Amino acid sequence: MASINLDSSSRLDITCRKGDKFNLTIEITGISAITSTASDFTMEVRESDTAAATTIASTSFTMSLATDSLTVVANPTTMAAVASGLYVYDLQYDNGLTADDQDVKTYLYGTFKVNEDVTV
């Protein structure tokens, strides 16, 4: 029996510290810097992959896109508000075009572990 896997996303488990600035730079390939902007990317953190509420909403992350990389940042205030624990996240690209031309791709997914900090 033949099968095909169209899921090209990569798993990357992240561990960070409560109250510290979150700063992740990743290499992005296959995206045209001419037609894409940082606002085409979103990242959300949730308690589980089926949780309705976000732990860290996409609006709490700032994105900056360079030629071959994407930097994702959450400030220390945002990270201080997250309880230590184990969460899940994904990072998606959406070119924002109409349904016929839309290109949505999940680049990364995995666990998002927040370690407790002594000084908060």
PDB file of N, CA and C in Angstrom:
ATOM      1  N   MET A   1       0.841  -1.177   0.000  1.00  0.00           N
ATOM      2  CA  MET A   1       0.000   0.000   0.000  1.00  0.00           C
ATOM      3  C   MET A   1       0.888   1.243   0.000  1.00  0.00           C
ATOM      4  N   ALA A   2       0.615   2.159  -0.876  1.00  0.00           N
ATOM      5  CA  ALA A   2       1.384   3.392  -0.988  1.00  0.00           C
ATOM      6  C   ALA A   2       0.849   4.434  -0.018  1.00  0.00           C
ATOM      7  N   SER A   3       1.715   5.342   0.352  1.00  0.00           N
ATOM      8  CA  SER A   3       1.292   6.450   1.205  1.00  0.00           C
ATOM      9  C   SER A   3       2.101   7.685   0.834  1.00  0.00           C
ATOM     10  N   ILE A   4       1.561   8.818   1.189  1.00  0.00           N
ATOM     11  CA  ILE A   4       2.250  10.077   0.956  1.00  0.00           C
ATOM     12  C   ILE A   4       2.065  10.960   2.179  1.00  0.00           C
ATOM     13  N   ASN A   5       3.128  11.637   2.570  1.00  0.00           N
ATOM     14  CA  ASN A   5       3.079  12.524   3.723  1.00  0.00           C
ATOM     15  C   ASN A   5       3.292  13.955   3.227  1.00  0.00           C
ATOM     16  N   LEU A   6       2.268  14.776   3.289  1.00  0.00           N
ATOM     17  CA  LEU A   6       2.354  16.164   2.854  1.00  0.00           C
ATOM     18  C   LEU A   6       2.730  17.115   3.984  1.00  0.00           C
ATOM     19  N   ASP A   7       2.977  16.584   5.168  1.00  0.00           N
ATOM     20  CA  ASP A   7       3.367  17.395   6.318  1.00  0.00           C
ATOM     21  C   ASP A   7       4.880  17.606   6.279  1.00  0.00           C
ATOM     22  N   SER A   8       5.295  18.786   5.827  1.00  0.00           N
ATOM     23  CA  SER A   8       6.730  19.085   5.729  1.00  0.00           C
ATOM     24  C   SER A   8       7.228  19.915   6.907  1.00  0.00           C
ATOM     25  N   SER A   9       6.392  20.103   7.922  1.00  0.00           N
ATOM     26  CA  SER A   9       6.813  20.883   9.083  1.00  0.00           C
ATOM     27  C   SER A   9       7.865  20.118   9.880  1.00  0.00           C
ATOM     28  N   SER A  10       8.664  20.878  10.619  1.00  0.00           N
ATOM     29  CA  SER A  10       9.736  20.291  11.424  1.00  0.00           C
ATOM     30  C   SER A  10       9.425  20.472  12.899  1.00  0.00           C
ATOM     31  N   ARG A  11       9.767  19.463  13.662  1.00  0.00           N
ATOM     32  CA  ARG A  11       9.579  19.554  15.112  1.00  0.00           C
ATOM     33  C   ARG A  11      10.811  20.196  15.736  1.00  0.00           C
ATOM     34  N   LEU A  12      10.561  21.206  16.550  1.00  0.00           N
ATOM     35  CA  LEU A  12      11.615  21.868  17.308  1.00  0.00           C
ATOM     36  C   LEU A  12      11.060  22.147  18.689  1.00  0.00           C
ATOM     37  N   ASP A  13      11.543  21.425  19.678  1.00  0.00           N
ATOM     38  CA  ASP A  13      11.101  21.648  21.053  1.00  0.00           C
ATOM     39  C   ASP A  13      11.901  22.813  21.636  1.00  0.00           C
ATOM     40  N   ILE A  14      11.208  23.733  22.284  1.00  0.00           N
ATOM     41  CA  ILE A  14      11.807  24.967  22.801  1.00  0.00           C
ATOM     42  C   ILE A  14      11.734  24.954  24.323  1.00  0.00           C
ATOM     43  N   THR A  15      12.838  25.334  24.961  1.00  0.00           N
ATOM     44  CA  THR A  15      12.864  25.572  26.405  1.00  0.00           C
ATOM     45  C   THR A  15      13.339  26.996  26.624  1.00  0.00           C
ATOM     46  N   CYS A  16      12.581  27.748  27.399  1.00  0.00           N
ATOM     47  CA  CYS A  16      12.944  29.128  27.685  1.00  0.00           C
ATOM     48  C   CYS A  16      12.715  29.394  29.174  1.00  0.00           C
ATOM     49  N   ARG A  17      12.998  30.607  29.601  1.00  0.00           N
ATOM     50  CA  ARG A  17      12.884  30.930  31.018  1.00  0.00           C
ATOM     51  C   ARG A  17      11.846  32.022  31.236  1.00  0.00           C
ATOM     52  N   LYS A  18      11.021  31.814  32.243  1.00  0.00           N
ATOM     53  CA  LYS A  18       9.983  32.788  32.639  1.00  0.00           C
ATOM     54  C   LYS A  18      10.640  34.132  32.925  1.00  0.00           C
ATOM     55  N   GLY A  19      10.085  35.196  32.367  1.00  0.00           N
ATOM     56  CA  GLY A  19      10.575  36.542  32.635  1.00  0.00           C
ATOM     57  C   GLY A  19      11.763  36.978  31.800  1.00  0.00           C
ATOM     58  N   ASP A  20      12.359  36.061  31.031  1.00  0.00           N
ATOM     59  CA  ASP A  20      13.478  36.430  30.163  1.00  0.00           C
ATOM     60  C   ASP A  20      12.958  36.742  28.766  1.00  0.00           C
ATOM     61  N   LYS A  21      13.677  37.573  28.050  1.00  0.00           N
ATOM     62  CA  LYS A  21      13.315  37.878  26.668  1.00  0.00           C
ATOM     63  C   LYS A  21      13.410  36.606  25.833  1.00  0.00           C
ATOM     64  N   PHE A  22      12.363  36.328  25.065  1.00  0.00           N
ATOM     65  CA  PHE A  22      12.356  35.187  24.153  1.00  0.00           C
ATOM     66  C   PHE A  22      12.836  35.698  22.805  1.00  0.00           C
ATOM     67  N   ASN A  23      13.902  35.096  22.278  1.00  0.00           N
ATOM     68  CA  ASN A  23      14.482  35.543  21.024  1.00  0.00           C
ATOM     69  C   ASN A  23      14.942  34.316  20.237  1.00  0.00           C
ATOM     70  N   LEU A  24      14.226  34.000  19.175  1.00  0.00           N
ATOM     71  CA  LEU A  24      14.503  32.814  18.366  1.00  0.00           C
ATOM     72  C   LEU A  24      14.715  33.245  16.921  1.00  0.00           C
ATOM     73  N   THR A  25      15.863  32.897  16.353  1.00  0.00           N
ATOM     74  CA  THR A  25      16.130  33.155  14.937  1.00  0.00           C
ATOM     75  C   THR A  25      16.271  31.818  14.236  1.00  0.00           C
ATOM     76  N   ILE A  26      15.501  31.646  13.165  1.00  0.00           N
ATOM     77  CA  ILE A  26      15.525  30.391  12.419  1.00  0.00           C
ATOM     78  C   ILE A  26      15.730  30.672  10.941  1.00  0.00           C
ATOM     79  N   GLU A  27      16.328  29.715  10.262  1.00  0.00           N
ATOM     80  CA  GLU A  27      16.502  29.807   8.822  1.00  0.00           C
ATOM     81  C   GLU A  27      15.189  29.432   8.153  1.00  0.00           C
ATOM     82  N   ILE A  28      14.768  30.253   7.216  1.00  0.00           N
ATOM     83  CA  ILE A  28      13.545  30.014   6.456  1.00  0.00           C
ATOM     84  C   ILE A  28      13.924  29.907   4.983  1.00  0.00           C
ATOM     85  N   THR A  29      13.512  28.829   4.351  1.00  0.00           N
ATOM     86  CA  THR A  29      13.774  28.672   2.925  1.00  0.00           C
ATOM     87  C   THR A  29      12.453  28.534   2.178  1.00  0.00           C
ATOM     88  N   GLY A  30      12.484  28.846   0.902  1.00  0.00           N
ATOM     89  CA  GLY A  30      11.296  28.690   0.075  1.00  0.00           C
ATOM     90  C   GLY A  30      10.310  29.829   0.166  1.00  0.00           C
ATOM     91  N   ILE A  31      10.706  30.933   0.799  1.00  0.00           N
ATOM     92  CA  ILE A  31       9.836  32.090   0.915  1.00  0.00           C
ATOM     93  C   ILE A  31      10.482  33.240   0.154  1.00  0.00           C
ATOM     94  N   SER A  32       9.723  33.887  -0.690  1.00  0.00           N
ATOM     95  CA  SER A  32      10.232  35.012  -1.452  1.00  0.00           C
ATOM     96  C   SER A  32      10.243  36.263  -0.580  1.00  0.00           C
ATOM     97  N   ALA A  33      11.419  36.831  -0.387  1.00  0.00           N
ATOM     98  CA  ALA A  33      11.535  38.058   0.404  1.00  0.00           C
ATOM     99  C   ALA A  33      10.870  39.232  -0.301  1.00  0.00           C
ATOM    100  N   ILE A  34      10.650  39.094  -1.598  1.00  0.00           N
ATOM    101  CA  ILE A  34      10.025  40.172  -2.356  1.00  0.00           C
ATOM    102  C   ILE A  34       8.525  40.239  -2.063  1.00  0.00           C
ATOM    103  N   THR A  35       7.879  39.094  -1.966  1.00  0.00           N
ATOM    104  CA  THR A  35       6.428  39.073  -1.790  1.00  0.00           C
ATOM    105  C   THR A  35       5.994  38.763  -0.363  1.00  0.00           C
ATOM    106  N   SER A  36       6.911  38.450   0.527  1.00  0.00           N
ATOM    107  CA  SER A  36       6.560  38.097   1.898  1.00  0.00           C
ATOM    108  C   SER A  36       7.021  39.165   2.872  1.00  0.00           C
ATOM    109  N   THR A  37       6.295  39.269   3.979  1.00  0.00           N
ATOM    110  CA  THR A  37       6.676  40.180   5.050  1.00  0.00           C
ATOM    111  C   THR A  37       6.632  39.415   6.365  1.00  0.00           C
ATOM    112  N   ALA A  38       7.183  40.005   7.400  1.00  0.00           N
ATOM    113  CA  ALA A  38       7.178  39.363   8.714  1.00  0.00           C
ATOM    114  C   ALA A  38       5.763  39.142   9.216  1.00  0.00           C
ATOM    115  N   SER A  39       4.824  39.994   8.795  1.00  0.00           N
ATOM    116  CA  SER A  39       3.437  39.844   9.256  1.00  0.00           C
ATOM    117  C   SER A  39       2.746  38.632   8.635  1.00  0.00           C
ATOM    118  N   ASP A  40       3.372  37.977   7.670  1.00  0.00           N
ATOM    119  CA  ASP A  40       2.827  36.747   7.099  1.00  0.00           C
ATOM    120  C   ASP A  40       3.038  35.553   8.031  1.00  0.00           C
ATOM    121  N   PHE A  41       3.835  35.731   9.091  1.00  0.00           N
ATOM    122  CA  PHE A  41       4.139  34.647  10.024  1.00  0.00           C
ATOM    123  C   PHE A  41       3.397  34.853  11.334  1.00  0.00           C
ATOM    124  N   THR A  42       2.931  33.765  11.924  1.00  0.00           N
ATOM    125  CA  THR A  42       2.299  33.816  13.237  1.00  0.00           C
ATOM    126  C   THR A  42       2.807  32.661  14.088  1.00  0.00           C
ATOM    127  N   MET A  43       2.906  32.906  15.364  1.00  0.00           N
ATOM    128  CA  MET A  43       3.282  31.865  16.318  1.00  0.00           C
ATOM    129  C   MET A  43       2.333  31.985  17.497  1.00  0.00           C
ATOM    130  N   GLU A  44       1.823  30.849  17.957  1.00  0.00           N
ATOM    131  CA  GLU A  44       0.962  30.811  19.136  1.00  0.00           C
ATOM    132  C   GLU A  44       1.432  29.710  20.059  1.00  0.00           C
ATOM    133  N   VAL A  45       1.253  29.939  21.356  1.00  0.00           N
ATOM    134  CA  VAL A  45       1.553  28.945  22.382  1.00  0.00           C
ATOM    135  C   VAL A  45       0.245  28.644  23.102  1.00  0.00           C
ATOM    136  N   ARG A  46      -0.040  27.360  23.287  1.00  0.00           N
ATOM    137  CA  ARG A  46      -1.272  26.926  23.961  1.00  0.00           C
ATOM    138  C   ARG A  46      -0.952  25.814  24.958  1.00  0.00           C
ATOM    139  N   GLU A  47      -1.891  25.549  25.853  1.00  0.00           N
ATOM    140  CA  GLU A  47      -1.697  24.475  26.831  1.00  0.00           C
ATOM    141  C   GLU A  47      -1.697  23.105  26.178  1.00  0.00           C
ATOM    142  N   SER A  48      -2.471  22.955  25.104  1.00  0.00           N
ATOM    143  CA  SER A  48      -2.490  21.705  24.339  1.00  0.00           C
ATOM    144  C   SER A  48      -2.852  22.056  22.905  1.00  0.00           C
ATOM    145  N   ASP A  49      -2.683  21.098  22.006  1.00  0.00           N
ATOM    146  CA  ASP A  49      -2.977  21.395  20.601  1.00  0.00           C
ATOM    147  C   ASP A  49      -4.463  21.574  20.331  1.00  0.00           C
ATOM    148  N   THR A  50      -5.313  21.209  21.272  1.00  0.00           N
ATOM    149  CA  THR A  50      -6.753  21.397  21.102  1.00  0.00           C
ATOM    150  C   THR A  50      -7.325  22.482  22.022  1.00  0.00           C
ATOM    151  N   ALA A  51      -6.474  23.165  22.780  1.00  0.00           N
ATOM    152  CA  ALA A  51      -6.940  24.211  23.698  1.00  0.00           C
ATOM    153  C   ALA A  51      -7.514  25.391  22.914  1.00  0.00           C
ATOM    154  N   ALA A  52      -8.633  25.914  23.378  1.00  0.00           N
ATOM    155  CA  ALA A  52      -9.278  27.042  22.702  1.00  0.00           C
ATOM    156  C   ALA A  52      -8.537  28.353  22.967  1.00  0.00           C
ATOM    157  N   ALA A  53      -8.038  28.525  24.162  1.00  0.00           N
ATOM    158  CA  ALA A  53      -7.374  29.777  24.541  1.00  0.00           C
ATOM    159  C   ALA A  53      -5.867  29.696  24.299  1.00  0.00           C
ATOM    160  N   THR A  54      -5.283  30.847  23.996  1.00  0.00           N
ATOM    161  CA  THR A  54      -3.838  30.892  23.825  1.00  0.00           C
ATOM    162  C   THR A  54      -3.168  31.258  25.145  1.00  0.00           C
ATOM    163  N   THR A  55      -2.001  30.680  25.366  1.00  0.00           N
ATOM    164  CA  THR A  55      -1.163  31.041  26.507  1.00  0.00           C
ATOM    165  C   THR A  55      -0.332  32.264  26.144  1.00  0.00           C
ATOM    166  N   ILE A  56       0.237  32.249  24.944  1.00  0.00           N
ATOM    167  CA  ILE A  56       0.895  33.427  24.378  1.00  0.00           C
ATOM    168  C   ILE A  56       0.286  33.624  22.994  1.00  0.00           C
ATOM    169  N   ALA A  57      -0.424  34.716  22.825  1.00  0.00           N
ATOM    170  CA  ALA A  57      -1.104  34.995  21.553  1.00  0.00           C
ATOM    171  C   ALA A  57      -0.101  35.446  20.495  1.00  0.00           C
ATOM    172  N   SER A  58      -0.488  35.297  19.255  1.00  0.00           N
ATOM    173  CA  SER A  58       0.390  35.685  18.152  1.00  0.00           C
ATOM    174  C   SER A  58       0.740  37.175  18.211  1.00  0.00           C
ATOM    175  N   THR A  59      -0.156  37.986  18.750  1.00  0.00           N
ATOM    176  CA  THR A  59       0.100  39.423  18.845  1.00  0.00           C
ATOM    177  C   THR A  59       1.172  39.762  19.883  1.00  0.00           C
ATOM    178  N   SER A  60       1.540  38.813  20.731  1.00  0.00           N
ATOM    179  CA  SER A  60       2.584  39.041  21.734  1.00  0.00           C
ATOM    180  C   SER A  60       3.978  38.793  21.180  1.00  0.00           C
ATOM    181  N   PHE A  61       4.060  38.232  19.991  1.00  0.00           N
ATOM    182  CA  PHE A  61       5.347  37.990  19.336  1.00  0.00           C
ATOM    183  C   PHE A  61       5.561  39.043  18.256  1.00  0.00           C
ATOM    184  N   THR A  62       6.780  39.543  18.156  1.00  0.00           N
ATOM    185  CA  THR A  62       7.143  40.387  17.023  1.00  0.00           C
ATOM    186  C   THR A  62       8.026  39.565  16.101  1.00  0.00           C
ATOM    187  N   MET A  63       7.819  39.748  14.814  1.00  0.00           N
ATOM    188  CA  MET A  63       8.545  38.988  13.801  1.00  0.00           C
ATOM    189  C   MET A  63       9.364  39.944  12.952  1.00  0.00           C
ATOM    190  N   SER A  64      10.563  39.524  12.596  1.00  0.00           N
ATOM    191  CA  SER A  64      11.340  40.280  11.620  1.00  0.00           C
ATOM    192  C   SER A  64      11.933  39.287  10.634  1.00  0.00           C
ATOM    193  N   LEU A  65      11.780  39.618   9.365  1.00  0.00           N
ATOM    194  CA  LEU A  65      12.171  38.727   8.280  1.00  0.00           C
ATOM    195  C   LEU A  65      13.386  39.301   7.568  1.00  0.00           C
ATOM    196  N   ALA A  66      14.444  38.500   7.476  1.00  0.00           N
ATOM    197  CA  ALA A  66      15.622  38.854   6.696  1.00  0.00           C
ATOM    198  C   ALA A  66      15.621  37.969   5.451  1.00  0.00           C
ATOM    199  N   THR A  67      16.667  38.026   4.668  1.00  0.00           N
ATOM    200  CA  THR A  67      16.717  37.270   3.419  1.00  0.00           C
ATOM    201  C   THR A  67      16.469  35.787   3.628  1.00  0.00           C
ATOM    202  N   ASP A  68      17.153  35.169   4.565  1.00  0.00           N
ATOM    203  CA  ASP A  68      17.017  33.726   4.778  1.00  0.00           C
ATOM    204  C   ASP A  68      16.675  33.361   6.215  1.00  0.00           C
ATOM    205  N   SER A  69      16.201  34.319   7.001  1.00  0.00           N
ATOM    206  CA  SER A  69      15.915  34.007   8.398  1.00  0.00           C
ATOM    207  C   SER A  69      14.722  34.795   8.918  1.00  0.00           C
ATOM    208  N   LEU A  70      14.152  34.247   9.956  1.00  0.00           N
ATOM    209  CA  LEU A  70      13.033  34.881  10.652  1.00  0.00           C
ATOM    210  C   LEU A  70      13.401  34.941  12.125  1.00  0.00           C
ATOM    211  N   THR A  71      13.215  36.102  12.729  1.00  0.00           N
ATOM    212  CA  THR A  71      13.455  36.253  14.160  1.00  0.00           C
ATOM    213  C   THR A  71      12.121  36.485  14.851  1.00  0.00           C
ATOM    214  N   VAL A  72      11.878  35.709  15.901  1.00  0.00           N
ATOM    215  CA  VAL A  72      10.647  35.775  16.690  1.00  0.00           C
ATOM    216  C   VAL A  72      11.030  36.239  18.090  1.00  0.00           C
ATOM    217  N   VAL A  73      10.369  37.299  18.577  1.00  0.00           N
ATOM    218  CA  VAL A  73      10.718  37.875  19.868  1.00  0.00           C
ATOM    219  C   VAL A  73       9.463  38.075  20.704  1.00  0.00           C
ATOM    220  N   ALA A  74       9.550  37.737  21.986  1.00  0.00           N
ATOM    221  CA  ALA A  74       8.543  38.097  22.983  1.00  0.00           C
ATOM    222  C   ALA A  74       9.285  38.806  24.110  1.00  0.00           C
ATOM    223  N   ASN A  75       8.759  39.930  24.552  1.00  0.00           N
ATOM    224  CA  ASN A  75       9.476  40.715  25.552  1.00  0.00           C
ATOM    225  C   ASN A  75       9.405  40.065  26.936  1.00  0.00           C
ATOM    226  N   PRO A  76      10.273  40.483  27.845  1.00  0.00           N
ATOM    227  CA  PRO A  76      10.294  39.897  29.199  1.00  0.00           C
ATOM    228  C   PRO A  76       8.980  40.026  29.952  1.00  0.00           C
ATOM    229  N   THR A  77       8.238  41.115  29.730  1.00  0.00           N
ATOM    230  CA  THR A  77       6.946  41.289  30.404  1.00  0.00           C
ATOM    231  C   THR A  77       5.964  40.207  29.973  1.00  0.00           C
ATOM    232  N   THR A  78       5.930  39.913  28.676  1.00  0.00           N
ATOM    233  CA  THR A  78       5.078  38.839  28.166  1.00  0.00           C
ATOM    234  C   THR A  78       5.478  37.510  28.784  1.00  0.00           C
ATOM    235  N   MET A  79       6.776  37.238  28.819  1.00  0.00           N
ATOM    236  CA  MET A  79       7.260  35.956  29.330  1.00  0.00           C
ATOM    237  C   MET A  79       7.073  35.839  30.845  1.00  0.00           C
ATOM    238  N   ALA A  80       7.085  36.960  31.557  1.00  0.00           N
ATOM    239  CA  ALA A  80       6.866  36.930  33.010  1.00  0.00           C
ATOM    240  C   ALA A  80       5.434  36.546  33.347  1.00  0.00           C
ATOM    241  N   ALA A  81       4.510  36.799  32.430  1.00  0.00           N
ATOM    242  CA  ALA A  81       3.097  36.500  32.668  1.00  0.00           C
ATOM    243  C   ALA A  81       2.741  35.042  32.397  1.00  0.00           C
ATOM    244  N   VAL A  82       3.679  34.268  31.871  1.00  0.00           N
ATOM    245  CA  VAL A  82       3.423  32.857  31.549  1.00  0.00           C
ATOM    246  C   VAL A  82       3.874  31.988  32.721  1.00  0.00           C
ATOM    247  N   ALA A  83       2.971  31.179  33.218  1.00  0.00           N
ATOM    248  CA  ALA A  83       3.326  30.261  34.298  1.00  0.00           C
ATOM    249  C   ALA A  83       4.317  29.224  33.796  1.00  0.00           C
ATOM    250  N   SER A  84       5.245  28.834  34.646  1.00  0.00           N
ATOM    251  CA  SER A  84       6.176  27.791  34.230  1.00  0.00           C
ATOM    252  C   SER A  84       5.375  26.514  33.951  1.00  0.00           C
ATOM    253  N   GLY A  85       5.821  25.771  32.967  1.00  0.00           N
ATOM    254  CA  GLY A  85       5.116  24.550  32.601  1.00  0.00           C
ATOM    255  C   GLY A  85       5.413  24.143  31.179  1.00  0.00           C
ATOM    256  N   LEU A  86       4.699  23.138  30.732  1.00  0.00           N
ATOM    257  CA  LEU A  86       4.897  22.581  29.394  1.00  0.00           C
ATOM    258  C   LEU A  86       3.696  22.908  28.523  1.00  0.00           C
ATOM    259  N   TYR A  87       3.952  23.507  27.380  1.00  0.00           N
ATOM    260  CA  TYR A  87       2.930  23.941  26.441  1.00  0.00           C
ATOM    261  C   TYR A  87       3.272  23.389  25.048  1.00  0.00           C
ATOM    262  N   VAL A  88       2.465  23.738  24.067  1.00  0.00           N
ATOM    263  CA  VAL A  88       2.757  23.415  22.669  1.00  0.00           C
ATOM    264  C   VAL A  88       2.670  24.704  21.859  1.00  0.00           C
ATOM    265  N   TYR A  89       3.317  24.715  20.707  1.00  0.00           N
ATOM    266  CA  TYR A  89       3.299  25.896  19.845  1.00  0.00           C
ATOM    267  C   TYR A  89       3.365  25.451  18.396  1.00  0.00           C
ATOM    268  N   ASP A  90       3.065  26.382  17.503  1.00  0.00           N
ATOM    269  CA  ASP A  90       3.439  26.213  16.106  1.00  0.00           C
ATOM    270  C   ASP A  90       3.724  27.570  15.504  1.00  0.00           C
ATOM    271  N   LEU A  91       4.499  27.550  14.436  1.00  0.00           N
ATOM    272  CA  LEU A  91       4.871  28.737  13.694  1.00  0.00           C
ATOM    273  C   LEU A  91       4.401  28.543  12.270  1.00  0.00           C
ATOM    274  N   GLN A  92       3.496  29.414  11.816  1.00  0.00           N
ATOM    275  CA  GLN A  92       2.893  29.258  10.493  1.00  0.00           C
ATOM    276  C   GLN A  92       3.170  30.454   9.600  1.00  0.00           C
ATOM    277  N   TYR A  93       3.145  30.162   8.315  1.00  0.00           N
ATOM    278  CA  TYR A  93       3.246  31.177   7.273  1.00  0.00           C
ATOM    279  C   TYR A  93       1.927  31.209   6.517  1.00  0.00           C
ATOM    280  N   ASP A  94       1.418  32.409   6.257  1.00  0.00           N
ATOM    281  CA  ASP A  94       0.194  32.584   5.476  1.00  0.00           C
ATOM    282  C   ASP A  94       0.390  33.839   4.637  1.00  0.00           C
ATOM    283  N   ASN A  95       0.428  33.677   3.334  1.00  0.00           N
ATOM    284  CA  ASN A  95       0.679  34.831   2.474  1.00  0.00           C
ATOM    285  C   ASN A  95      -0.503  35.790   2.409  1.00  0.00           C
ATOM    286  N   GLY A  96      -1.625  35.434   3.030  1.00  0.00           N
ATOM    287  CA  GLY A  96      -2.751  36.344   3.151  1.00  0.00           C
ATOM    288  C   GLY A  96      -3.527  36.597   1.873  1.00  0.00           C
ATOM    289  N   LEU A  97      -3.271  35.823   0.845  1.00  0.00           N
ATOM    290  CA  LEU A  97      -3.988  36.006  -0.405  1.00  0.00           C
ATOM    291  C   LEU A  97      -5.353  35.331  -0.320  1.00  0.00           C
ATOM    292  N   THR A  98      -6.118  35.433  -1.376  1.00  0.00           N
ATOM    293  CA  THR A  98      -7.434  34.814  -1.407  1.00  0.00           C
ATOM    294  C   THR A  98      -7.314  33.298  -1.360  1.00  0.00           C
ATOM    295  N   ALA A  99      -8.393  32.635  -1.096  1.00  0.00           N
ATOM    296  CA  ALA A  99      -8.399  31.182  -0.915  1.00  0.00           C
ATOM    297  C   ALA A  99      -7.756  30.442  -2.091  1.00  0.00           C
ATOM    298  N   ASP A 100      -7.996  30.903  -3.316  1.00  0.00           N
ATOM    299  CA  ASP A 100      -7.428  30.222  -4.484  1.00  0.00           C
ATOM    300  C   ASP A 100      -5.914  30.363  -4.566  1.00  0.00           C
ATOM    301  N   ASP A 101      -5.384  31.480  -4.074  1.00  0.00           N
ATOM    302  CA  ASP A 101      -3.947  31.744  -4.152  1.00  0.00           C
ATOM    303  C   ASP A 101      -3.248  31.609  -2.805  1.00  0.00           C
ATOM    304  N   GLN A 102      -3.989  31.257  -1.795  1.00  0.00           N
ATOM    305  CA  GLN A 102      -3.455  31.235  -0.438  1.00  0.00           C
ATOM    306  C   GLN A 102      -2.404  30.145  -0.276  1.00  0.00           C
ATOM    307  N   ASP A 103      -1.357  30.481   0.466  1.00  0.00           N
ATOM    308  CA  ASP A 103      -0.286  29.535   0.750  1.00  0.00           C
ATOM    309  C   ASP A 103      -0.090  29.515   2.263  1.00  0.00           C
ATOM    310  N   VAL A 104      -0.601  28.488   2.930  1.00  0.00           N
ATOM    311  CA  VAL A 104      -0.454  28.342   4.376  1.00  0.00           C
ATOM    312  C   VAL A 104       0.462  27.157   4.630  1.00  0.00           C
ATOM    313  N   LYS A 105       1.480  27.378   5.464  1.00  0.00           N
ATOM    314  CA  LYS A 105       2.438  26.319   5.752  1.00  0.00           C
ATOM    315  C   LYS A 105       2.866  26.417   7.207  1.00  0.00           C
ATOM    316  N   THR A 106       2.827  25.289   7.908  1.00  0.00           N
ATOM    317  CA  THR A 106       3.374  25.220   9.259  1.00  0.00           C
ATOM    318  C   THR A 106       4.848  24.874   9.128  1.00  0.00           C
ATOM    319  N   TYR A 107       5.711  25.773   9.584  1.00  0.00           N
ATOM    320  CA  TYR A 107       7.155  25.537   9.503  1.00  0.00           C
ATOM    321  C   TYR A 107       7.651  24.741  10.701  1.00  0.00           C
ATOM    322  N   LEU A 108       7.242  25.158  11.891  1.00  0.00           N
ATOM    323  CA  LEU A 108       7.725  24.515  13.113  1.00  0.00           C
ATOM    324  C   LEU A 108       6.560  24.204  14.036  1.00  0.00           C
ATOM    325  N   TYR A 109       6.740  23.187  14.840  1.00  0.00           N
ATOM    326  CA  TYR A 109       5.799  22.848  15.903  1.00  0.00           C
ATOM    327  C   TYR A 109       6.581  22.103  16.965  1.00  0.00           C
ATOM    328  N   GLY A 110       6.007  21.987  18.145  1.00  0.00           N
ATOM    329  CA  GLY A 110       6.671  21.216  19.199  1.00  0.00           C
ATOM    330  C   GLY A 110       6.224  21.661  20.576  1.00  0.00           C
ATOM    331  N   THR A 111       6.994  21.240  21.559  1.00  0.00           N
ATOM    332  CA  THR A 111       6.704  21.645  22.930  1.00  0.00           C
ATOM    333  C   THR A 111       7.367  22.988  23.209  1.00  0.00           C
ATOM    334  N   PHE A 112       6.777  23.718  24.132  1.00  0.00           N
ATOM    335  CA  PHE A 112       7.268  25.042  24.531  1.00  0.00           C
ATOM    336  C   PHE A 112       7.332  25.015  26.050  1.00  0.00           C
ATOM    337  N   LYS A 113       8.510  24.730  26.577  1.00  0.00           N
ATOM    338  CA  LYS A 113       8.686  24.585  28.019  1.00  0.00           C
ATOM    339  C   LYS A 113       9.184  25.900  28.620  1.00  0.00           C
ATOM    340  N   VAL A 114       8.494  26.347  29.646  1.00  0.00           N
ATOM    341  CA  VAL A 114       8.875  27.566  30.353  1.00  0.00           C
ATOM    342  C   VAL A 114       9.385  27.151  31.732  1.00  0.00           C
ATOM    343  N   ASN A 115      10.681  27.391  31.962  1.00  0.00           N
ATOM    344  CA  ASN A 115      11.281  27.086  33.256  1.00  0.00           C
ATOM    345  C   ASN A 115      11.047  28.255  34.222  1.00  0.00           C
ATOM    346  N   GLU A 116      10.816  27.942  35.481  1.00  0.00           N
ATOM    347  CA  GLU A 116      10.607  28.949  36.508  1.00  0.00           C
ATOM    348  C   GLU A 116      11.892  29.744  36.702  1.00  0.00           C
ATOM    349  N   ASP A 117      11.745  30.996  37.101  1.00  0.00           N
ATOM    350  CA  ASP A 117      12.896  31.852  37.374  1.00  0.00           C
ATOM    351  C   ASP A 117      12.836  32.279  38.844  1.00  0.00           C
ATOM    352  N   VAL A 118      13.986  32.503  39.432  1.00  0.00           N
ATOM    353  CA  VAL A 118      14.028  32.925  40.824  1.00  0.00           C
ATOM    354  C   VAL A 118      13.695  34.405  40.925  1.00  0.00           C
ATOM    355  N   THR A 119      14.307  35.202  40.054  1.00  0.00           N
ATOM    356  CA  THR A 119      14.091  36.641  40.062  1.00  0.00           C
ATOM    357  C   THR A 119      13.050  36.977  39.010  1.00  0.00           C
ATOM    358  N   VAL A 120      11.860  37.371  39.445  1.00  0.00           N
ATOM    359  CA  VAL A 120      10.808  37.759  38.499  1.00  0.00           C
ATOM    360  C   VAL A 120      10.275  39.136  38.830  1.00  0.00           C
TER     361      VAL A 120
END
